[in-house]
Amino acid sequence: MTTSSQRFYLATFIAVCIAFGAAMRSAEAAFHLWQVKEVFSNADGSVQFVEMFDSFGGETSVNGFSLTANSDGNIKTFTFPGNLANPTPGSLLLATTGFGSLPGAVTPDFTFSQGGVSGMFFNPNATNLTFTFNGSGDSMAFTGASLPKNGINSLTDAGATGFPPGVPNISAGVNSPTNLLGNSGSVNLAVPEPIAGMLLLMAVPAISMRRRR
């Protein structure tokens, strides 16, 4: 065998090994790098979303895996009904039915009901809340008192932006639901202050009496 032939076969062998290794890494990274990033709920739990994030490609094989919400020991489980239709990296949005039709919202990748959850996914008034994705083992935990319920703010973990996950850095800010297509929005479900309405009603008779004089 000539030297050139040996080089050719060696180069071919190396290329096959590289391709095989890449395929193996892709298969291994099919689901296990997702992290829980953002949680939102209004006061009564009728509108909720959980956003997950993955900074790697090929993380689409989530079928059969689950995201659980533990509200003081009351556990609800969302089971992914299928794999992801769009590629990663990116954000994955799970939300209550009808969320996508709210002003400022974006279409979720899945609704909680699609994963077998009825009613609210978690109790916003629980003492402690923990969200866990069993595909990666990643969790986001916080107290119910720290969860905003004003219909505007959410809790976001700034540490859920890469792998391995950074130190949890959870803070409140304006909600920013983002789906796997990269569409991002913000909902405003703030309830008008009832006191302001009462003051307005009280002011009307006073204005009428002044006019009669």
N, C-alpha and C. Protein backbone atom coordinates (compact mmCIF):
# COMPACT_ATOMS: atom_id res chain seq x y z
N MET A 1 0.86 -1.19 0.00
CA MET A 1 0.00 0.00 0.00
C MET A 1 0.89 1.25 0.00
N THR A 2 0.61 2.17 -0.86
CA THR A 2 1.41 3.38 -0.97
C THR A 2 1.14 4.30 0.21
N THR A 3 2.05 5.24 0.38
CA THR A 3 1.91 6.21 1.47
C THR A 3 0.66 7.06 1.29
N SER A 4 0.39 7.45 0.04
CA SER A 4 -0.79 8.27 -0.24
C SER A 4 -2.06 7.52 0.09
N SER A 5 -2.09 6.22 -0.20
CA SER A 5 -3.27 5.41 0.12
C SER A 5 -3.45 5.30 1.62
N GLN A 6 -2.35 5.13 2.33
CA GLN A 6 -2.42 5.04 3.79
C GLN A 6 -2.97 6.33 4.37
N ARG A 7 -2.51 7.44 3.84
CA ARG A 7 -3.00 8.73 4.32
C ARG A 7 -4.49 8.89 4.04
N PHE A 8 -4.92 8.43 2.88
CA PHE A 8 -6.33 8.53 2.52
C PHE A 8 -7.19 7.74 3.48
N TYR A 9 -6.81 6.48 3.75
CA TYR A 9 -7.60 5.64 4.66
C TYR A 9 -7.56 6.18 6.08
N LEU A 10 -6.41 6.73 6.47
CA LEU A 10 -6.29 7.29 7.80
C LEU A 10 -7.20 8.51 7.95
N ALA A 11 -7.21 9.36 6.90
CA ALA A 11 -8.05 10.55 6.93
C ALA A 11 -9.53 10.16 6.96
N THR A 12 -9.87 9.12 6.18
CA THR A 12 -11.25 8.64 6.17
C THR A 12 -11.65 8.10 7.53
N PHE A 13 -10.76 7.34 8.16
CA PHE A 13 -11.03 6.77 9.48
C PHE A 13 -11.23 7.87 10.52
N ILE A 14 -10.39 8.89 10.47
CA ILE A 14 -10.51 10.00 11.41
C ILE A 14 -11.83 10.75 11.20
N ALA A 15 -12.21 10.96 9.94
CA ALA A 15 -13.45 11.67 9.64
C ALA A 15 -14.66 10.90 10.16
N VAL A 16 -14.63 9.57 9.99
CA VAL A 16 -15.72 8.73 10.48
C VAL A 16 -15.81 8.80 12.00
N CYS A 17 -14.65 8.76 12.66
CA CYS A 17 -14.63 8.83 14.12
C CYS A 17 -15.19 10.15 14.62
N ILE A 18 -14.81 11.25 13.94
CA ILE A 18 -15.30 12.57 14.33
C ILE A 18 -16.81 12.65 14.15
N ALA A 19 -17.29 12.14 13.01
CA ALA A 19 -18.73 12.16 12.74
C ALA A 19 -19.49 11.32 13.76
N PHE A 20 -18.93 10.15 14.09
CA PHE A 20 -19.56 9.26 15.07
C PHE A 20 -19.60 9.92 16.44
N GLY A 21 -18.49 10.58 16.81
CA GLY A 21 -18.43 11.26 18.10
C GLY A 21 -19.43 12.39 18.18
N ALA A 22 -19.56 13.14 17.06
CA ALA A 22 -20.54 14.24 17.03
C ALA A 22 -21.95 13.72 17.16
N ALA A 23 -22.22 12.59 16.47
CA ALA A 23 -23.56 11.99 16.55
C ALA A 23 -23.86 11.52 17.96
N MET A 24 -22.85 10.94 18.62
CA MET A 24 -23.04 10.48 19.99
C MET A 24 -23.31 11.64 20.93
N ARG A 25 -22.55 12.75 20.72
CA ARG A 25 -22.77 13.92 21.58
C ARG A 25 -24.15 14.49 21.35
N SER A 26 -24.58 14.48 20.07
CA SER A 26 -25.92 14.99 19.76
C SER A 26 -26.99 14.14 20.41
N ALA A 27 -26.79 12.81 20.38
CA ALA A 27 -27.77 11.91 20.98
C ALA A 27 -27.81 12.08 22.49
N GLU A 28 -26.60 12.27 23.09
CA GLU A 28 -26.55 12.44 24.53
C GLU A 28 -27.17 13.76 24.96
N ALA A 29 -27.09 14.77 24.10
CA ALA A 29 -27.59 16.10 24.43
C ALA A 29 -28.99 16.31 23.89
N ALA A 30 -29.79 15.25 23.92
CA ALA A 30 -31.12 15.32 23.30
C ALA A 30 -32.16 15.97 24.19
N PHE A 31 -31.88 16.03 25.50
CA PHE A 31 -32.92 16.56 26.40
C PHE A 31 -32.37 17.02 27.75
N HIS A 32 -31.14 16.68 28.08
CA HIS A 32 -30.71 16.76 29.47
C HIS A 32 -30.08 18.09 29.90
N LEU A 33 -30.20 19.14 29.09
CA LEU A 33 -29.59 20.41 29.45
C LEU A 33 -30.61 21.53 29.68
N TRP A 34 -31.90 21.18 29.68
CA TRP A 34 -32.93 22.18 29.92
C TRP A 34 -32.91 22.63 31.38
N GLN A 35 -33.11 23.95 31.57
CA GLN A 35 -33.13 24.54 32.91
C GLN A 35 -34.40 25.38 33.08
N VAL A 36 -34.93 25.39 34.29
CA VAL A 36 -36.11 26.21 34.60
C VAL A 36 -35.65 27.64 34.82
N LYS A 37 -36.23 28.59 34.07
CA LYS A 37 -35.72 29.95 34.08
C LYS A 37 -36.69 30.99 34.65
N GLU A 38 -37.98 30.94 34.28
CA GLU A 38 -38.90 32.01 34.68
C GLU A 38 -40.27 31.42 35.06
N VAL A 39 -40.87 31.99 36.12
CA VAL A 39 -42.18 31.54 36.60
C VAL A 39 -43.07 32.76 36.81
N PHE A 40 -44.31 32.65 36.32
CA PHE A 40 -45.27 33.75 36.45
C PHE A 40 -46.64 33.23 36.86
N SER A 41 -47.33 34.00 37.68
CA SER A 41 -48.73 33.70 38.01
C SER A 41 -49.43 34.99 38.41
N ASN A 42 -50.70 35.10 38.03
CA ASN A 42 -51.49 36.19 38.57
C ASN A 42 -52.01 35.76 39.95
N ALA A 43 -52.77 36.61 40.62
CA ALA A 43 -53.14 36.37 42.01
C ALA A 43 -53.95 35.10 42.22
N ASP A 44 -54.88 34.80 41.32
CA ASP A 44 -55.74 33.62 41.53
C ASP A 44 -55.26 32.38 40.80
N GLY A 45 -54.13 32.48 40.11
CA GLY A 45 -53.56 31.31 39.43
C GLY A 45 -54.23 30.94 38.13
N SER A 46 -55.12 31.79 37.64
CA SER A 46 -55.82 31.48 36.39
C SER A 46 -54.94 31.68 35.17
N VAL A 47 -53.90 32.49 35.30
CA VAL A 47 -52.93 32.70 34.22
C VAL A 47 -51.54 32.42 34.79
N GLN A 48 -50.86 31.45 34.22
CA GLN A 48 -49.53 31.07 34.68
C GLN A 48 -48.66 30.66 33.50
N PHE A 49 -47.36 30.83 33.65
CA PHE A 49 -46.45 30.24 32.68
C PHE A 49 -45.13 29.90 33.36
N VAL A 50 -44.46 28.91 32.78
CA VAL A 50 -43.11 28.52 33.19
C VAL A 50 -42.26 28.50 31.93
N GLU A 51 -41.14 29.20 31.97
CA GLU A 51 -40.23 29.23 30.82
C GLU A 51 -38.96 28.46 31.17
N MET A 52 -38.54 27.60 30.25
CA MET A 52 -37.30 26.85 30.40
C MET A 52 -36.31 27.36 29.35
N PHE A 53 -35.02 27.08 29.58
CA PHE A 53 -34.00 27.58 28.65
C PHE A 53 -32.92 26.53 28.43
N ASP A 54 -32.43 26.48 27.19
CA ASP A 54 -31.36 25.55 26.84
C ASP A 54 -30.43 26.25 25.85
N SER A 55 -29.15 26.30 26.17
CA SER A 55 -28.19 27.02 25.33
C SER A 55 -27.47 26.12 24.33
N PHE A 56 -27.89 24.86 24.21
CA PHE A 56 -27.23 23.91 23.31
C PHE A 56 -28.16 23.47 22.19
N GLY A 57 -27.59 22.99 21.10
CA GLY A 57 -28.36 22.49 19.98
C GLY A 57 -28.75 21.03 20.18
N GLY A 58 -29.76 20.58 19.44
CA GLY A 58 -30.16 19.18 19.47
C GLY A 58 -30.96 18.76 20.68
N GLU A 59 -31.43 19.72 21.48
CA GLU A 59 -32.15 19.38 22.71
C GLU A 59 -33.67 19.34 22.48
N THR A 60 -34.09 18.51 21.57
CA THR A 60 -35.50 18.49 21.17
C THR A 60 -36.26 17.23 21.58
N SER A 61 -35.55 16.20 22.06
CA SER A 61 -36.20 14.92 22.35
C SER A 61 -36.74 14.88 23.78
N VAL A 62 -37.78 15.67 24.03
CA VAL A 62 -38.32 15.77 25.39
C VAL A 62 -39.56 14.89 25.60
N ASN A 63 -40.00 14.21 24.56
CA ASN A 63 -41.21 13.39 24.65
C ASN A 63 -41.14 12.41 25.83
N GLY A 64 -42.16 12.46 26.69
CA GLY A 64 -42.24 11.55 27.83
C GLY A 64 -41.59 12.06 29.10
N PHE A 65 -40.75 13.09 28.99
CA PHE A 65 -40.16 13.68 30.18
C PHE A 65 -41.17 14.63 30.83
N SER A 66 -40.86 15.08 32.03
CA SER A 66 -41.87 15.85 32.75
C SER A 66 -41.29 17.02 33.52
N LEU A 67 -42.14 18.01 33.71
CA LEU A 67 -41.86 19.15 34.57
C LEU A 67 -42.85 19.09 35.72
N THR A 68 -42.36 19.07 36.95
CA THR A 68 -43.24 19.00 38.11
C THR A 68 -43.24 20.33 38.86
N ALA A 69 -44.40 20.65 39.45
CA ALA A 69 -44.53 21.81 40.31
C ALA A 69 -44.93 21.30 41.68
N ASN A 70 -44.10 21.58 42.67
CA ASN A 70 -44.36 21.15 44.04
C ASN A 70 -44.77 22.36 44.86
N SER A 71 -46.05 22.41 45.23
CA SER A 71 -46.58 23.51 46.03
C SER A 71 -46.88 22.98 47.43
N ASP A 72 -45.92 23.14 48.35
CA ASP A 72 -46.08 22.64 49.72
C ASP A 72 -46.43 21.16 49.76
N GLY A 73 -45.82 20.38 48.89
CA GLY A 73 -46.06 18.94 48.87
C GLY A 73 -47.15 18.50 47.92
N ASN A 74 -47.92 19.44 47.41
CA ASN A 74 -48.94 19.12 46.40
C ASN A 74 -48.27 19.18 45.03
N ILE A 75 -48.06 18.01 44.44
CA ILE A 75 -47.28 17.93 43.20
C ILE A 75 -48.18 17.74 41.98
N LYS A 76 -47.96 18.59 40.99
CA LYS A 76 -48.62 18.45 39.70
C LYS A 76 -47.54 18.19 38.65
N THR A 77 -47.86 17.32 37.71
CA THR A 77 -46.86 16.91 36.72
C THR A 77 -47.34 17.19 35.30
N PHE A 78 -46.52 17.94 34.58
CA PHE A 78 -46.73 18.15 33.15
C PHE A 78 -45.82 17.19 32.40
N THR A 79 -46.41 16.31 31.58
CA THR A 79 -45.63 15.35 30.80
C THR A 79 -45.61 15.79 29.34
N PHE A 80 -44.43 15.97 28.80
CA PHE A 80 -44.33 16.43 27.41
C PHE A 80 -44.98 15.42 26.48
N PRO A 81 -45.97 15.86 25.69
CA PRO A 81 -46.71 14.94 24.82
C PRO A 81 -45.99 14.62 23.51
N GLY A 82 -44.88 15.27 23.25
CA GLY A 82 -44.14 15.03 22.01
C GLY A 82 -42.82 15.76 22.02
N ASN A 83 -42.01 15.52 21.01
CA ASN A 83 -40.74 16.23 20.89
C ASN A 83 -40.98 17.64 20.38
N LEU A 84 -39.95 18.45 20.41
CA LEU A 84 -40.08 19.84 20.01
C LEU A 84 -40.04 19.97 18.49
N ALA A 85 -40.90 20.82 17.98
CA ALA A 85 -41.01 20.99 16.53
C ALA A 85 -39.96 21.95 16.00
N ASN A 86 -39.36 22.76 16.87
CA ASN A 86 -38.37 23.73 16.44
C ASN A 86 -37.04 23.47 17.14
N PRO A 87 -35.93 23.85 16.51
CA PRO A 87 -34.61 23.52 17.05
C PRO A 87 -34.20 24.38 18.24
N THR A 88 -33.23 23.88 18.98
CA THR A 88 -32.61 24.63 20.06
C THR A 88 -31.25 25.14 19.55
N PRO A 89 -30.60 26.09 20.24
CA PRO A 89 -30.90 26.62 21.56
C PRO A 89 -32.09 27.58 21.55
N GLY A 90 -32.61 27.83 22.76
CA GLY A 90 -33.73 28.73 22.88
C GLY A 90 -34.53 28.51 24.13
N SER A 91 -35.66 29.19 24.20
CA SER A 91 -36.56 29.10 25.35
C SER A 91 -37.76 28.23 25.02
N LEU A 92 -38.29 27.58 26.03
CA LEU A 92 -39.45 26.71 25.88
C LEU A 92 -40.53 27.22 26.82
N LEU A 93 -41.70 27.54 26.28
CA LEU A 93 -42.75 28.18 27.06
C LEU A 93 -43.94 27.25 27.29
N LEU A 94 -44.26 27.02 28.56
CA LEU A 94 -45.43 26.25 28.96
C LEU A 94 -46.38 27.20 29.67
N ALA A 95 -47.67 27.18 29.31
CA ALA A 95 -48.59 28.16 29.89
C ALA A 95 -50.00 27.62 29.98
N THR A 96 -50.83 28.36 30.69
CA THR A 96 -52.24 28.00 30.82
C THR A 96 -52.96 28.17 29.48
N THR A 97 -54.05 27.44 29.33
CA THR A 97 -54.85 27.51 28.10
C THR A 97 -55.34 28.94 27.88
N GLY A 98 -55.23 29.41 26.65
CA GLY A 98 -55.67 30.75 26.31
C GLY A 98 -54.63 31.83 26.52
N PHE A 99 -53.46 31.45 27.03
CA PHE A 99 -52.43 32.45 27.32
C PHE A 99 -52.03 33.21 26.06
N GLY A 100 -51.90 32.51 24.95
CA GLY A 100 -51.45 33.14 23.72
C GLY A 100 -52.37 34.21 23.17
N SER A 101 -53.63 34.22 23.61
CA SER A 101 -54.60 35.22 23.12
C SER A 101 -54.63 36.48 23.98
N LEU A 102 -53.88 36.50 25.08
CA LEU A 102 -53.85 37.68 25.94
C LEU A 102 -53.05 38.79 25.29
N PRO A 103 -53.44 40.05 25.51
CA PRO A 103 -52.66 41.17 24.96
C PRO A 103 -51.22 41.13 25.45
N GLY A 104 -50.29 41.21 24.53
CA GLY A 104 -48.88 41.22 24.88
C GLY A 104 -48.25 39.84 25.01
N ALA A 105 -49.06 38.79 24.96
CA ALA A 105 -48.53 37.43 25.14
C ALA A 105 -48.01 36.86 23.82
N VAL A 106 -47.35 35.73 23.91
CA VAL A 106 -46.91 34.99 22.73
C VAL A 106 -47.47 33.57 22.82
N THR A 107 -47.51 32.88 21.70
CA THR A 107 -48.05 31.53 21.68
C THR A 107 -47.12 30.57 22.41
N PRO A 108 -47.62 29.87 23.44
CA PRO A 108 -46.75 28.92 24.15
C PRO A 108 -46.43 27.71 23.29
N ASP A 109 -45.33 27.07 23.58
CA ASP A 109 -44.97 25.84 22.87
C ASP A 109 -45.88 24.70 23.29
N PHE A 110 -46.30 24.70 24.54
CA PHE A 110 -47.27 23.74 25.05
C PHE A 110 -48.15 24.44 26.08
N THR A 111 -49.40 24.00 26.20
CA THR A 111 -50.23 24.42 27.32
C THR A 111 -50.16 23.33 28.38
N PHE A 112 -50.38 23.70 29.63
CA PHE A 112 -50.32 22.72 30.71
C PHE A 112 -51.31 21.58 30.49
N SER A 113 -52.47 21.91 29.93
CA SER A 113 -53.48 20.88 29.71
C SER A 113 -53.01 19.83 28.71
N GLN A 114 -52.15 20.20 27.77
CA GLN A 114 -51.62 19.23 26.81
C GLN A 114 -50.74 18.19 27.49
N GLY A 115 -50.24 18.54 28.66
CA GLY A 115 -49.39 17.61 29.40
C GLY A 115 -50.10 16.93 30.55
N GLY A 116 -51.45 16.99 30.54
CA GLY A 116 -52.22 16.27 31.54
C GLY A 116 -52.52 17.04 32.81
N VAL A 117 -52.34 18.36 32.80
CA VAL A 117 -52.61 19.18 34.00
C VAL A 117 -53.97 19.85 33.84
N SER A 118 -54.81 19.70 34.86
CA SER A 118 -56.10 20.39 34.87
C SER A 118 -56.04 21.51 35.90
N GLY A 119 -56.66 22.64 35.58
CA GLY A 119 -56.64 23.77 36.49
C GLY A 119 -55.27 24.43 36.52
N MET A 120 -55.00 25.12 37.63
CA MET A 120 -53.71 25.79 37.76
C MET A 120 -52.58 24.78 37.92
N PHE A 121 -51.39 25.12 37.43
CA PHE A 121 -50.23 24.23 37.51
C PHE A 121 -49.62 24.24 38.90
N PHE A 122 -49.68 25.39 39.56
CA PHE A 122 -49.12 25.49 40.91
C PHE A 122 -49.92 26.49 41.72
N ASN A 123 -49.80 26.38 43.04
CA ASN A 123 -50.51 27.28 43.94
C ASN A 123 -49.65 28.51 44.22
N PRO A 124 -50.03 29.67 43.72
CA PRO A 124 -49.20 30.86 43.91
C PRO A 124 -49.11 31.31 45.36
N ASN A 125 -50.01 30.80 46.20
CA ASN A 125 -50.03 31.19 47.60
C ASN A 125 -49.38 30.16 48.52
N ALA A 126 -48.70 29.17 47.94
CA ALA A 126 -48.01 28.16 48.74
C ALA A 126 -46.85 28.81 49.49
N THR A 127 -46.45 28.18 50.58
CA THR A 127 -45.32 28.69 51.35
C THR A 127 -44.01 28.48 50.60
N ASN A 128 -43.87 27.31 49.97
CA ASN A 128 -42.66 26.99 49.20
C ASN A 128 -43.03 26.35 47.87
N LEU A 129 -42.29 26.73 46.83
CA LEU A 129 -42.55 26.21 45.49
C LEU A 129 -41.24 25.71 44.87
N THR A 130 -41.33 24.55 44.22
CA THR A 130 -40.16 23.98 43.53
C THR A 130 -40.59 23.43 42.18
N PHE A 131 -39.87 23.80 41.14
CA PHE A 131 -40.14 23.32 39.79
C PHE A 131 -38.94 22.51 39.32
N THR A 132 -39.20 21.27 38.85
CA THR A 132 -38.11 20.37 38.48
C THR A 132 -38.38 19.70 37.14
N PHE A 133 -37.37 19.72 36.26
CA PHE A 133 -37.45 18.99 35.00
C PHE A 133 -36.65 17.71 35.16
N ASN A 134 -37.32 16.56 35.02
CA ASN A 134 -36.64 15.29 35.32
C ASN A 134 -35.66 14.87 34.24
N GLY A 135 -35.70 15.50 33.07
CA GLY A 135 -34.73 15.18 32.02
C GLY A 135 -33.33 15.64 32.35
N SER A 136 -33.22 16.72 33.12
CA SER A 136 -31.91 17.26 33.49
C SER A 136 -31.69 17.23 34.99
N GLY A 137 -32.78 17.14 35.75
CA GLY A 137 -32.67 17.21 37.20
C GLY A 137 -32.60 18.64 37.71
N ASP A 138 -32.69 19.61 36.81
CA ASP A 138 -32.60 21.01 37.21
C ASP A 138 -33.86 21.45 37.94
N SER A 139 -33.69 22.27 38.98
CA SER A 139 -34.81 22.77 39.76
C SER A 139 -34.69 24.27 39.99
N MET A 140 -35.84 24.90 40.15
CA MET A 140 -35.92 26.30 40.56
C MET A 140 -36.83 26.34 41.77
N ALA A 141 -36.30 26.80 42.91
CA ALA A 141 -37.07 26.79 44.16
C ALA A 141 -37.08 28.18 44.78
N PHE A 142 -38.23 28.53 45.37
CA PHE A 142 -38.34 29.83 46.01
C PHE A 142 -39.56 29.81 46.94
N THR A 143 -39.70 30.82 47.76
CA THR A 143 -40.85 30.91 48.65
C THR A 143 -42.03 31.55 47.93
N GLY A 144 -43.23 31.17 48.35
CA GLY A 144 -44.41 31.77 47.74
C GLY A 144 -44.49 33.26 48.00
N ALA A 145 -43.94 33.70 49.13
CA ALA A 145 -43.97 35.12 49.45
C ALA A 145 -43.15 35.95 48.48
N SER A 146 -42.13 35.33 47.87
CA SER A 146 -41.27 36.06 46.93
C SER A 146 -41.85 36.10 45.52
N LEU A 147 -42.88 35.29 45.25
CA LEU A 147 -43.48 35.25 43.92
C LEU A 147 -44.42 36.44 43.73
N PRO A 148 -44.15 37.33 42.77
CA PRO A 148 -45.06 38.46 42.53
C PRO A 148 -46.43 37.96 42.06
N LYS A 149 -47.48 38.62 42.51
CA LYS A 149 -48.83 38.25 42.10
C LYS A 149 -49.61 39.47 41.63
N ASN A 150 -48.86 40.48 41.18
CA ASN A 150 -49.50 41.72 40.73
C ASN A 150 -49.93 41.69 39.28
N GLY A 151 -49.69 40.56 38.60
CA GLY A 151 -50.09 40.44 37.20
C GLY A 151 -49.11 41.06 36.22
N ILE A 152 -47.99 41.57 36.74
CA ILE A 152 -47.00 42.22 35.89
C ILE A 152 -45.63 41.56 36.00
N ASN A 153 -45.20 41.29 37.22
CA ASN A 153 -43.86 40.77 37.45
C ASN A 153 -43.83 39.25 37.56
N SER A 154 -42.66 38.70 37.32
CA SER A 154 -42.41 37.27 37.44
C SER A 154 -41.09 37.08 38.19
N LEU A 155 -40.74 35.83 38.45
CA LEU A 155 -39.43 35.52 39.02
C LEU A 155 -38.57 34.88 37.94
N THR A 156 -37.34 35.36 37.78
CA THR A 156 -36.43 34.85 36.78
C THR A 156 -35.10 34.47 37.43
N ASP A 157 -34.59 33.30 37.06
CA ASP A 157 -33.29 32.85 37.54
C ASP A 157 -32.23 33.20 36.51
N ALA A 158 -31.44 34.22 36.80
CA ALA A 158 -30.40 34.65 35.87
C ALA A 158 -29.29 33.63 35.75
N GLY A 159 -29.24 32.66 36.67
CA GLY A 159 -28.22 31.62 36.60
C GLY A 159 -28.55 30.53 35.60
N ALA A 160 -29.78 30.52 35.09
CA ALA A 160 -30.21 29.47 34.14
C ALA A 160 -29.96 29.90 32.71
N THR A 161 -28.71 30.20 32.39
CA THR A 161 -28.40 30.69 31.05
C THR A 161 -27.29 29.90 30.37
N GLY A 162 -26.82 28.84 30.99
CA GLY A 162 -25.76 28.05 30.37
C GLY A 162 -25.63 26.71 31.06
N PHE A 163 -24.62 25.95 30.68
CA PHE A 163 -24.39 24.65 31.31
C PHE A 163 -22.90 24.47 31.58
N PRO A 164 -22.52 24.06 32.81
CA PRO A 164 -23.43 23.74 33.91
C PRO A 164 -24.14 24.98 34.43
N PRO A 165 -25.31 24.79 35.09
CA PRO A 165 -26.06 25.94 35.59
C PRO A 165 -25.22 26.77 36.55
N GLY A 166 -25.42 28.09 36.50
CA GLY A 166 -24.72 28.96 37.42
C GLY A 166 -25.38 28.94 38.78
N VAL A 167 -24.82 29.69 39.70
CA VAL A 167 -25.42 29.81 41.03
C VAL A 167 -26.79 30.45 40.88
N PRO A 168 -27.84 29.89 41.52
CA PRO A 168 -29.17 30.48 41.40
C PRO A 168 -29.16 31.97 41.73
N ASN A 169 -29.75 32.74 40.86
CA ASN A 169 -29.81 34.19 41.03
C ASN A 169 -31.22 34.63 40.67
N ILE A 170 -32.14 34.42 41.59
CA ILE A 170 -33.56 34.63 41.33
C ILE A 170 -33.98 36.03 41.77
N SER A 171 -34.63 36.74 40.86
CA SER A 171 -35.09 38.09 41.17
C SER A 171 -36.40 38.37 40.44
N ALA A 172 -37.12 39.37 40.93
CA ALA A 172 -38.39 39.76 40.33
C ALA A 172 -38.19 40.85 39.29
N GLY A 173 -38.99 40.79 38.24
CA GLY A 173 -38.95 41.80 37.20
C GLY A 173 -40.14 41.64 36.29
N VAL A 174 -40.31 42.54 35.35
CA VAL A 174 -41.42 42.47 34.41
C VAL A 174 -41.36 41.16 33.63
N ASN A 175 -42.49 40.45 33.56
CA ASN A 175 -42.52 39.15 32.89
C ASN A 175 -42.14 39.27 31.42
N SER A 176 -41.47 38.23 30.92
CA SER A 176 -41.00 38.26 29.52
C SER A 176 -41.10 36.87 28.90
N PRO A 177 -42.31 36.33 28.76
CA PRO A 177 -42.46 34.99 28.18
C PRO A 177 -41.87 34.92 26.77
N THR A 178 -41.06 33.87 26.54
CA THR A 178 -40.41 33.69 25.24
C THR A 178 -40.57 32.24 24.81
N ASN A 179 -40.97 32.03 23.55
CA ASN A 179 -41.16 30.66 23.07
C ASN A 179 -39.96 30.21 22.23
N LEU A 180 -40.04 28.98 21.74
CA LEU A 180 -38.92 28.38 21.03
C LEU A 180 -38.67 29.02 19.66
N LEU A 181 -39.65 29.74 19.13
CA LEU A 181 -39.46 30.47 17.88
C LEU A 181 -38.70 31.77 18.11
N GLY A 182 -38.49 32.11 19.38
CA GLY A 182 -37.79 33.35 19.70
C GLY A 182 -38.70 34.54 19.88
N ASN A 183 -40.02 34.31 19.83
CA ASN A 183 -40.97 35.39 20.04
C ASN A 183 -41.08 35.69 21.53
N SER A 184 -41.02 36.95 21.89
CA SER A 184 -41.07 37.36 23.29
C SER A 184 -42.13 38.43 23.47
N GLY A 185 -42.75 38.46 24.65
CA GLY A 185 -43.77 39.46 24.93
C GLY A 185 -43.82 39.78 26.41
N SER A 186 -44.92 40.38 26.84
CA SER A 186 -45.12 40.70 28.24
C SER A 186 -46.60 40.97 28.45
N VAL A 187 -47.18 40.33 29.46
CA VAL A 187 -48.60 40.52 29.74
C VAL A 187 -48.76 41.47 30.92
N ASN A 188 -49.88 42.18 30.93
CA ASN A 188 -50.21 43.08 32.03
C ASN A 188 -51.60 42.72 32.53
N LEU A 189 -51.64 42.02 33.65
CA LEU A 189 -52.91 41.58 34.23
C LEU A 189 -53.17 42.26 35.56
N ALA A 190 -52.60 43.44 35.73
CA ALA A 190 -52.78 44.18 36.97
C ALA A 190 -54.25 44.52 37.17
N VAL A 191 -54.75 44.30 38.38
CA VAL A 191 -56.14 44.60 38.72
C VAL A 191 -56.22 46.04 39.21
N PRO A 192 -57.15 46.85 38.67
CA PRO A 192 -57.26 48.25 39.12
C PRO A 192 -57.52 48.32 40.62
N GLU A 193 -56.93 49.31 41.24
CA GLU A 193 -57.12 49.47 42.68
C GLU A 193 -58.57 49.81 42.97
N PRO A 194 -59.26 49.01 43.81
CA PRO A 194 -60.66 49.28 44.13
C PRO A 194 -60.85 50.59 44.88
N ILE A 195 -59.82 51.02 45.62
CA ILE A 195 -59.94 52.26 46.40
C ILE A 195 -60.09 53.45 45.48
N ALA A 196 -59.36 53.43 44.37
CA ALA A 196 -59.45 54.54 43.42
C ALA A 196 -60.86 54.66 42.86
N GLY A 197 -61.49 53.51 42.58
CA GLY A 197 -62.86 53.53 42.07
C GLY A 197 -63.84 54.03 43.11
N MET A 198 -63.63 53.65 44.37
CA MET A 198 -64.51 54.10 45.45
C MET A 198 -64.41 55.61 45.65
N LEU A 199 -63.18 56.13 45.57
CA LEU A 199 -63.00 57.57 45.73
C LEU A 199 -63.70 58.34 44.62
N LEU A 200 -63.67 57.77 43.41
CA LEU A 200 -64.33 58.42 42.29
C LEU A 200 -65.83 58.45 42.50
N LEU A 201 -66.40 57.34 42.99
CA LEU A 201 -67.85 57.29 43.24
C LEU A 201 -68.25 58.26 44.33
N MET A 202 -67.41 58.40 45.35
CA MET A 202 -67.70 59.31 46.45
C MET A 202 -67.63 60.76 45.99
N ALA A 203 -66.81 61.03 44.98
CA ALA A 203 -66.63 62.40 44.51
C ALA A 203 -67.79 62.88 43.66
N VAL A 204 -68.50 61.96 43.00
CA VAL A 204 -69.61 62.33 42.11
C VAL A 204 -70.72 63.06 42.84
N PRO A 205 -71.25 62.55 43.99
CA PRO A 205 -72.31 63.29 44.70
C PRO A 205 -71.85 64.66 45.16
N ALA A 206 -70.60 64.77 45.58
CA ALA A 206 -70.09 66.05 46.04
C ALA A 206 -70.08 67.08 44.91
N ILE A 207 -69.70 66.63 43.72
CA ILE A 207 -69.69 67.53 42.56
C ILE A 207 -71.10 67.97 42.22
N SER A 208 -72.07 67.05 42.32
CA SER A 208 -73.47 67.37 42.01
C SER A 208 -74.02 68.42 42.98
N MET A 209 -73.68 68.25 44.28
CA MET A 209 -74.16 69.18 45.30
C MET A 209 -73.60 70.58 45.05
N ARG A 210 -72.34 70.65 44.63
CA ARG A 210 -71.75 71.95 44.35
C ARG A 210 -72.46 72.63 43.18
N ARG A 211 -72.82 71.84 42.18
CA ARG A 211 -73.49 72.43 41.03
C ARG A 211 -74.88 72.95 41.38
N ARG A 212 -75.57 72.28 42.33
CA ARG A 212 -76.90 72.72 42.71
C ARG A 212 -76.87 74.05 43.46
N ARG A 213 -75.79 74.31 44.14
CA ARG A 213 -75.69 75.59 44.83
C ARG A 213 -75.53 76.73 43.82
